[in-house]
Every structure is written in C-alpha cells, then in structure tokens.
Protein backbone atom coordinates (compact mmCIF):
# COMPACT_ATOMS: atom_id res chain seq x y z
CA MET A 1 30.79 -18.69 91.23
CA PRO A 2 27.52 -17.53 89.75
CA ASP A 3 26.33 -18.95 86.44
CA LYS A 4 27.27 -17.02 83.38
CA PRO A 5 24.39 -15.25 81.60
CA GLY A 6 25.13 -17.24 78.44
CA SER A 7 24.76 -20.60 80.19
CA MET A 8 21.39 -19.57 81.61
CA LEU A 9 20.20 -18.60 78.15
CA ARG A 10 21.51 -21.90 76.78
CA LYS A 11 19.56 -23.86 79.42
CA ASP A 12 16.40 -21.93 78.59
CA LEU A 13 16.85 -22.59 74.87
CA ILE A 14 17.40 -26.31 75.46
CA ALA A 15 14.30 -26.50 77.68
CA ALA A 16 12.20 -24.59 75.13
CA THR A 17 13.42 -26.81 72.28
CA LEU A 18 12.64 -29.94 74.28
CA LEU A 19 9.14 -28.73 75.18
CA LEU A 20 8.34 -27.71 71.61
CA SER A 21 9.57 -31.01 70.21
CA LEU A 22 7.47 -32.97 72.69
CA ALA A 23 4.41 -30.84 71.94
CA GLY A 24 4.85 -31.57 68.24
CA CYS A 25 4.83 -35.35 68.73
CA ASP A 26 1.05 -35.56 68.32
CA MET A 27 1.17 -33.55 65.12
CA ILE A 28 4.00 -35.70 63.78
CA GLN A 29 2.14 -38.90 64.68
CA GLN A 30 -0.96 -37.65 62.87
CA GLN A 31 1.08 -36.72 59.81
CA MET A 32 2.74 -40.15 59.74
CA GLY A 33 -0.51 -42.01 60.35
CA ILE A 34 0.59 -43.41 63.72
CA GLU A 35 -2.46 -43.93 65.91
CA ASP A 36 -2.66 -44.10 69.69
CA PRO A 37 -3.48 -47.74 70.60
CA ILE A 38 -5.96 -46.72 73.30
CA ALA A 39 -7.83 -44.37 70.97
CA LYS A 40 -7.82 -47.00 68.22
CA ALA A 41 -9.26 -49.64 70.58
CA ALA A 42 -11.98 -47.23 71.73
CA ARG A 43 -12.87 -46.35 68.14
CA THR A 44 -12.97 -50.03 67.13
CA ASP A 45 -15.20 -50.90 70.10
CA ALA A 46 -17.59 -48.06 69.30
CA GLU A 47 -17.72 -49.12 65.65
CA ALA A 48 -18.37 -52.75 66.60
CA LYS A 49 -21.16 -51.71 68.98
CA ALA A 50 -22.78 -49.65 66.23
CA VAL A 51 -22.47 -52.57 63.80
CA GLY A 52 -24.09 -54.90 66.34
CA GLY A 53 -27.02 -52.52 66.77
CA ALA A 54 -27.41 -52.18 63.02
CA CYS A 55 -27.34 -55.96 62.59
CA ARG A 56 -30.14 -56.37 65.13
CA GLN A 57 -32.23 -53.62 63.58
CA SER A 58 -31.89 -55.24 60.17
CA GLY A 59 -32.98 -58.61 61.56
CA ARG A 60 -29.65 -60.41 61.18
CA ALA A 61 -28.76 -63.14 63.64
CA ILE A 62 -25.80 -62.43 65.89
CA GLU A 63 -23.83 -65.31 64.32
CA ASP A 64 -24.34 -63.83 60.86
CA CYS A 65 -23.15 -60.49 62.14
CA TYR A 66 -20.01 -62.11 63.58
CA SER A 67 -19.19 -63.80 60.28
CA ILE A 68 -19.93 -60.76 58.11
CA TYR A 69 -17.88 -58.40 60.29
CA SER A 70 -15.15 -60.84 61.31
CA TRP A 71 -12.50 -58.09 61.59
CA LEU A 72 -14.37 -56.46 64.48
CA PRO A 73 -14.26 -57.80 68.06
CA LYS A 74 -17.21 -59.98 69.04
CA ALA A 75 -17.89 -58.63 72.54
CA PRO A 76 -18.80 -55.08 71.46
CA ILE A 77 -20.83 -56.45 68.53
CA TYR A 78 -22.84 -58.53 70.97
CA GLU A 79 -23.22 -55.57 73.34
CA GLY A 80 -24.59 -53.38 70.55
CA TRP A 81 -26.86 -56.18 69.30
CA ARG A 82 -28.22 -56.79 72.82
CA ASP A 83 -28.78 -53.07 73.49
CA MET A 84 -30.66 -52.65 70.21
CA ASP A 85 -32.70 -55.78 70.91
CA ALA A 86 -33.83 -54.37 74.27
CA TYR A 87 -34.55 -50.98 72.69
CA MET A 88 -36.60 -52.54 69.88
CA ARG A 89 -38.60 -54.69 72.30
CA ASP A 90 -39.31 -51.75 74.62
CA ASN A 91 -40.47 -49.54 71.76
CA LYS A 92 -42.20 -52.33 69.80
CA MET A 93 -40.12 -51.67 66.69
CA GLU A 94 -40.04 -53.97 63.68
CA THR A 95 -36.90 -54.97 61.83
CA ILE A 96 -35.89 -53.08 58.72
CA GLU A 97 -34.75 -55.20 55.79
CA PRO A 98 -31.32 -54.11 54.47
CA GLN A 99 -31.31 -52.58 50.98
CA LEU A 100 -27.58 -53.08 50.33
CA PRO A 101 -25.36 -56.15 50.65
CA PRO A 102 -23.10 -56.27 53.73
CA ALA A 103 -19.79 -54.43 53.58
CA SER A 104 -16.67 -56.37 52.64
CA ALA A 105 -13.73 -56.65 55.02
CA PRO A 106 -11.17 -53.85 54.89
CA GLY A 107 -8.44 -54.45 52.35
CA THR A 108 -10.48 -56.85 50.22
CA ARG A 109 -12.21 -56.30 46.94
CA ARG A 110 -15.14 -58.12 45.49
CA LYS A 111 -14.44 -59.72 42.18
CA THR A 112 -17.11 -58.79 39.69
CA PRO A 113 -17.66 -61.15 36.77
CA GLY A 114 -16.33 -59.80 33.50
CA PRO A 115 -18.40 -59.49 30.33
CA ASP A 116 -17.20 -62.94 29.16
CA GLU A 117 -18.16 -64.73 32.38
CA SER A 118 -21.71 -65.65 33.22
CA ALA A 119 -23.33 -65.18 36.60
CA THR A 120 -22.49 -68.78 37.52
CA GLY A 121 -18.79 -68.15 37.09
CA ALA A 122 -18.36 -70.63 34.24
CA LYS A 123 -16.03 -69.66 31.43
CA PRO A 124 -17.58 -69.34 27.98
CA GLY A 125 -16.65 -72.02 25.51
CA LYS A 126 -16.57 -74.82 28.09
CA LYS A 127 -19.63 -76.92 28.64
CA ALA A 128 -20.41 -79.26 31.49
CA SER A 129 -20.72 -82.13 29.01
CA ASP A 130 -17.20 -81.51 27.57
CA LYS A 131 -14.54 -83.65 29.24
CA ASN A 132 -10.81 -83.84 28.61
C-alpha cells in the first residue's frame, strides 16, 4: 500500500521542526549565556597570551604576571611573554612603565578606605599606645 498523502506531509513537518529546533540551539545558548567549551578555552588562551605580552612590554617579571593574573592559565601567559621578549629584543624596544595598577581578578572588588579610615587602615579613635 502506498503512503497516504497526509503521512508524507506529517513526516516533512516533523523533519522541518526538528531541523529548525536544532538550528536554533546556538541562538538559545547565546541567549542563556551558555558558552561552547572549545571557544571559551580558545578565548582564554588568546587573552592569556595577550596578557603575557603586555606584562613583558611593561617590564613585569613572569612570576609577577602569574600572581597578578592568577585566573588565567600559565602556559599561554608564558608564551605571550616569551614572544614579546623576542620581539622587543629584535626591534631594540624599551619597556613601557604601566600607568595604571594591575586589574583585579574577575568577581572581586577592591575595598577602598572610607572617609573615617586612614591610608594605613587603622580605625580612628584607636591609638597604637592604647591597650585593653
């Protein structure tokens, strides 16, 4: 018996729905903030390599760069630092002193002293000579 025309249409609709839903997965993932692990790793490596190069250009030691940017992987930081070192030696470039303090780790905030606290962090009203 040949297939009924309605069943053929039903199969086509199911196939079209399935294809459209799979094509929309990327859009849904972007909307929800879900990131592809491979793309995230590539982006993190590129960022770490750029940070390593910037650390070398600013004259920071590689160990300082590791400790300042502890959330980034060390291997790409070193690769960027080494590449920039070779580039600077080949082109006889001098280091550039950084004008800003290093960036803080993601998700952390720097605590700024309030108007009542001094730069040393001591609370007003308490003296070093006062003991309980």
